[in-house]
Protein backbone atom coordinates (compact mmCIF):
# COMPACT_ATOMS: atom_id res chain seq x y z
CA MET A 1 -49.01 -12.92 -91.61
CA THR A 2 -48.42 -12.39 -87.87
CA PRO A 3 -44.76 -11.86 -86.94
CA ARG A 4 -43.15 -14.38 -84.61
CA LEU A 5 -42.15 -12.92 -81.26
CA ARG A 6 -38.98 -13.64 -79.30
CA PRO A 7 -38.07 -12.52 -75.79
CA VAL A 8 -35.03 -10.30 -75.36
CA ALA A 9 -32.92 -11.26 -72.36
CA PRO A 10 -32.73 -8.75 -69.50
CA ARG A 11 -29.74 -6.41 -69.79
CA GLY A 12 -27.62 -4.21 -67.61
CA PRO A 13 -26.23 -4.57 -64.12
CA ALA A 14 -28.65 -7.31 -63.08
CA SER A 15 -27.59 -9.54 -65.95
CA LEU A 16 -23.89 -8.95 -65.31
CA ALA A 17 -24.29 -9.54 -61.58
CA ALA A 18 -26.29 -12.72 -62.15
CA LEU A 19 -23.68 -14.03 -64.57
CA LEU A 20 -20.79 -13.32 -62.19
CA LEU A 21 -22.69 -14.80 -59.24
CA ALA A 22 -23.33 -17.93 -61.29
CA VAL A 23 -19.62 -18.18 -62.18
CA VAL A 24 -18.57 -17.83 -58.54
CA GLY A 25 -21.26 -20.32 -57.52
CA ALA A 26 -20.02 -22.82 -60.12
CA PHE A 27 -16.45 -22.35 -58.86
CA GLN A 28 -17.59 -23.01 -55.29
CA ALA A 29 -19.55 -26.08 -56.44
CA ALA A 30 -16.43 -27.41 -58.17
CA LEU A 31 -14.38 -26.86 -55.00
CA ALA A 32 -17.03 -28.68 -52.96
CA ALA A 33 -16.92 -31.56 -55.43
CA GLY A 34 -13.16 -31.89 -55.03
CA ALA A 35 -11.66 -29.80 -57.82
CA PRO A 36 -7.95 -29.24 -57.11
CA TRP A 37 -8.19 -25.46 -57.07
CA GLY A 38 -7.48 -24.84 -53.39
CA GLU A 39 -4.81 -22.24 -54.06
CA ALA A 40 -7.46 -20.06 -55.75
CA ALA A 41 -9.68 -19.93 -52.67
CA TYR A 42 -9.64 -19.33 -48.93
CA GLY A 43 -6.43 -17.34 -49.02
CA GLY A 44 -4.63 -19.92 -51.12
CA ALA A 45 -3.55 -21.84 -48.01
CA HIS A 46 -4.44 -25.25 -49.42
CA ARG A 47 -2.96 -26.52 -52.67
CA GLY A 48 -4.99 -29.09 -54.52
CA VAL A 49 -8.24 -30.40 -53.07
CA LEU A 50 -9.59 -28.49 -50.09
CA PRO A 51 -9.95 -30.14 -46.67
CA ALA A 52 -13.44 -31.43 -45.81
CA ARG A 53 -14.52 -28.41 -43.73
CA TYR A 54 -13.63 -26.00 -46.54
CA ARG A 55 -15.42 -28.21 -49.05
CA ALA A 56 -18.51 -28.09 -46.83
CA SER A 57 -18.22 -24.31 -46.69
CA SER A 58 -17.98 -24.20 -50.49
CA ALA A 59 -21.09 -26.38 -50.76
CA ALA A 60 -23.02 -23.98 -48.53
CA SER A 61 -21.68 -21.03 -50.54
CA THR A 62 -22.98 -22.63 -53.72
CA VAL A 63 -26.52 -22.54 -52.34
CA VAL A 64 -26.14 -18.91 -51.24
CA TYR A 65 -24.84 -17.85 -54.66
CA ALA A 66 -27.72 -19.62 -56.41
CA ALA A 67 -30.21 -17.80 -54.18
CA LEU A 68 -28.48 -14.49 -54.91
CA VAL A 69 -28.78 -15.13 -58.64
CA ALA A 70 -32.54 -15.56 -58.22
CA VAL A 71 -32.87 -12.43 -56.06
CA THR A 72 -30.73 -10.41 -58.47
CA LEU A 73 -33.01 -11.37 -61.36
CA GLY A 74 -36.08 -10.27 -59.39
CA ARG A 75 -37.36 -13.59 -58.15
CA GLY A 76 -38.16 -14.26 -54.54
CA PRO A 77 -38.97 -11.77 -51.82
CA ASP A 78 -40.87 -8.51 -51.98
CA PRO A 79 -39.04 -5.44 -53.36
CA THR A 80 -38.07 -4.09 -49.93
CA ALA A 81 -36.51 -7.38 -48.83
CA ARG A 82 -34.86 -7.70 -52.23
CA ARG A 83 -33.19 -4.29 -51.86
CA ARG A 84 -31.95 -5.18 -48.39
CA ILE A 85 -30.55 -8.53 -49.50
CA LEU A 86 -28.77 -6.93 -52.46
CA ARG A 87 -27.31 -4.14 -50.30
CA VAL A 88 -25.97 -6.66 -47.79
CA ALA A 89 -24.56 -8.77 -50.62
CA SER A 90 -22.93 -5.67 -52.10
CA ARG A 91 -21.28 -4.83 -48.78
CA LEU A 92 -20.04 -8.40 -48.41
CA MET A 93 -18.59 -8.22 -51.92
CA MET A 94 -16.83 -4.97 -50.97
CA LEU A 95 -15.29 -6.80 -48.02
CA GLY A 96 -14.43 -9.71 -50.32
CA THR A 97 -12.70 -7.31 -52.70
CA VAL A 98 -10.44 -6.07 -49.92
CA MET A 99 -9.77 -9.59 -48.66
CA ASN A 100 -8.92 -10.88 -52.13
CA LEU A 101 -6.66 -7.92 -52.75
CA ALA A 102 -4.80 -8.67 -49.51
CA SER A 103 -4.58 -12.42 -50.18
CA ARG A 104 -1.28 -14.26 -50.53
CA SER A 105 -2.84 -16.14 -53.44
CA ARG A 106 -1.93 -14.62 -56.79
CA VAL A 107 -5.08 -16.12 -58.35
CA GLU A 108 -7.30 -14.47 -55.77
CA ARG A 109 -5.63 -11.12 -56.27
CA LEU A 110 -5.72 -11.24 -60.07
CA VAL A 111 -9.03 -13.03 -60.71
CA TRP A 112 -11.33 -12.78 -57.72
CA THR A 113 -10.53 -9.17 -56.71
CA PRO A 114 -12.02 -7.68 -59.91
CA VAL A 115 -14.92 -10.16 -59.84
CA ALA A 116 -15.82 -9.23 -56.26
CA GLY A 117 -15.37 -5.52 -57.00
CA THR A 118 -17.61 -5.71 -60.03
CA LEU A 119 -20.21 -7.61 -58.03
CA ALA A 120 -20.09 -4.99 -55.25
CA VAL A 121 -20.88 -2.23 -57.74
CA THR A 122 -23.45 -4.07 -59.84
CA LEU A 123 -25.37 -5.46 -56.86
CA LEU A 124 -25.59 -1.98 -55.37
CA ARG A 125 -26.82 -0.60 -58.72
CA VAL A 126 -29.47 -3.33 -58.92
CA ALA A 127 -30.57 -2.59 -55.35
CA ARG A 128 -30.88 1.13 -56.11
CA ALA A 129 -32.68 0.53 -59.40
CA SER A 130 -35.21 -1.78 -57.75
CA ARG A 131 -36.65 1.19 -55.82
CA THR A 132 -38.42 2.47 -58.89
CA ALA A 133 -38.61 -0.58 -61.10
CA PRO A 134 -41.07 -3.40 -60.60
CA SER A 135 -39.53 -6.61 -59.32
CA GLY A 136 -38.79 -9.33 -61.83
CA PRO A 137 -36.64 -9.40 -64.90
CA ARG A 138 -37.61 -7.05 -67.67
CA VAL A 139 -38.48 -8.90 -70.83
CA ILE A 140 -39.09 -7.02 -74.02
CA VAL A 141 -40.84 -8.79 -76.84
CA ARG A 142 -39.87 -7.77 -80.37
CA PRO A 143 -41.01 -9.14 -83.70
CA VAL A 144 -38.57 -11.45 -85.43
CA PRO A 145 -37.84 -10.23 -88.96
């Protein structure tokens, strides 16, 4: 009898980065849709639902985060462009880490600072690893017992 095969999900920094990017993207989508979490974003200056211009910014951010998830998992541009995009994203996350740490919002300091810091490191690791690895997520197929 031939064993059934199942794919094993990609592991490591790319998976962690993609997961965190998806979480941040979902948070931004919720803000754009009117979730009353304004004090957890944009410096915590707006309690409750964000003003329209910030909601529009969150909507645009949602698209950017979705694109970054795809690039992080190896979809999209050629390997050189992928490395550049991931390096720029890593630098922006480093800046975001500092900004969140300096925020007046307790939620940003406690929640988003470590998320941005982790993204800065993992995105840089993915960019460096993509020099030698082929683009695209690594899928290993193992027999199911």
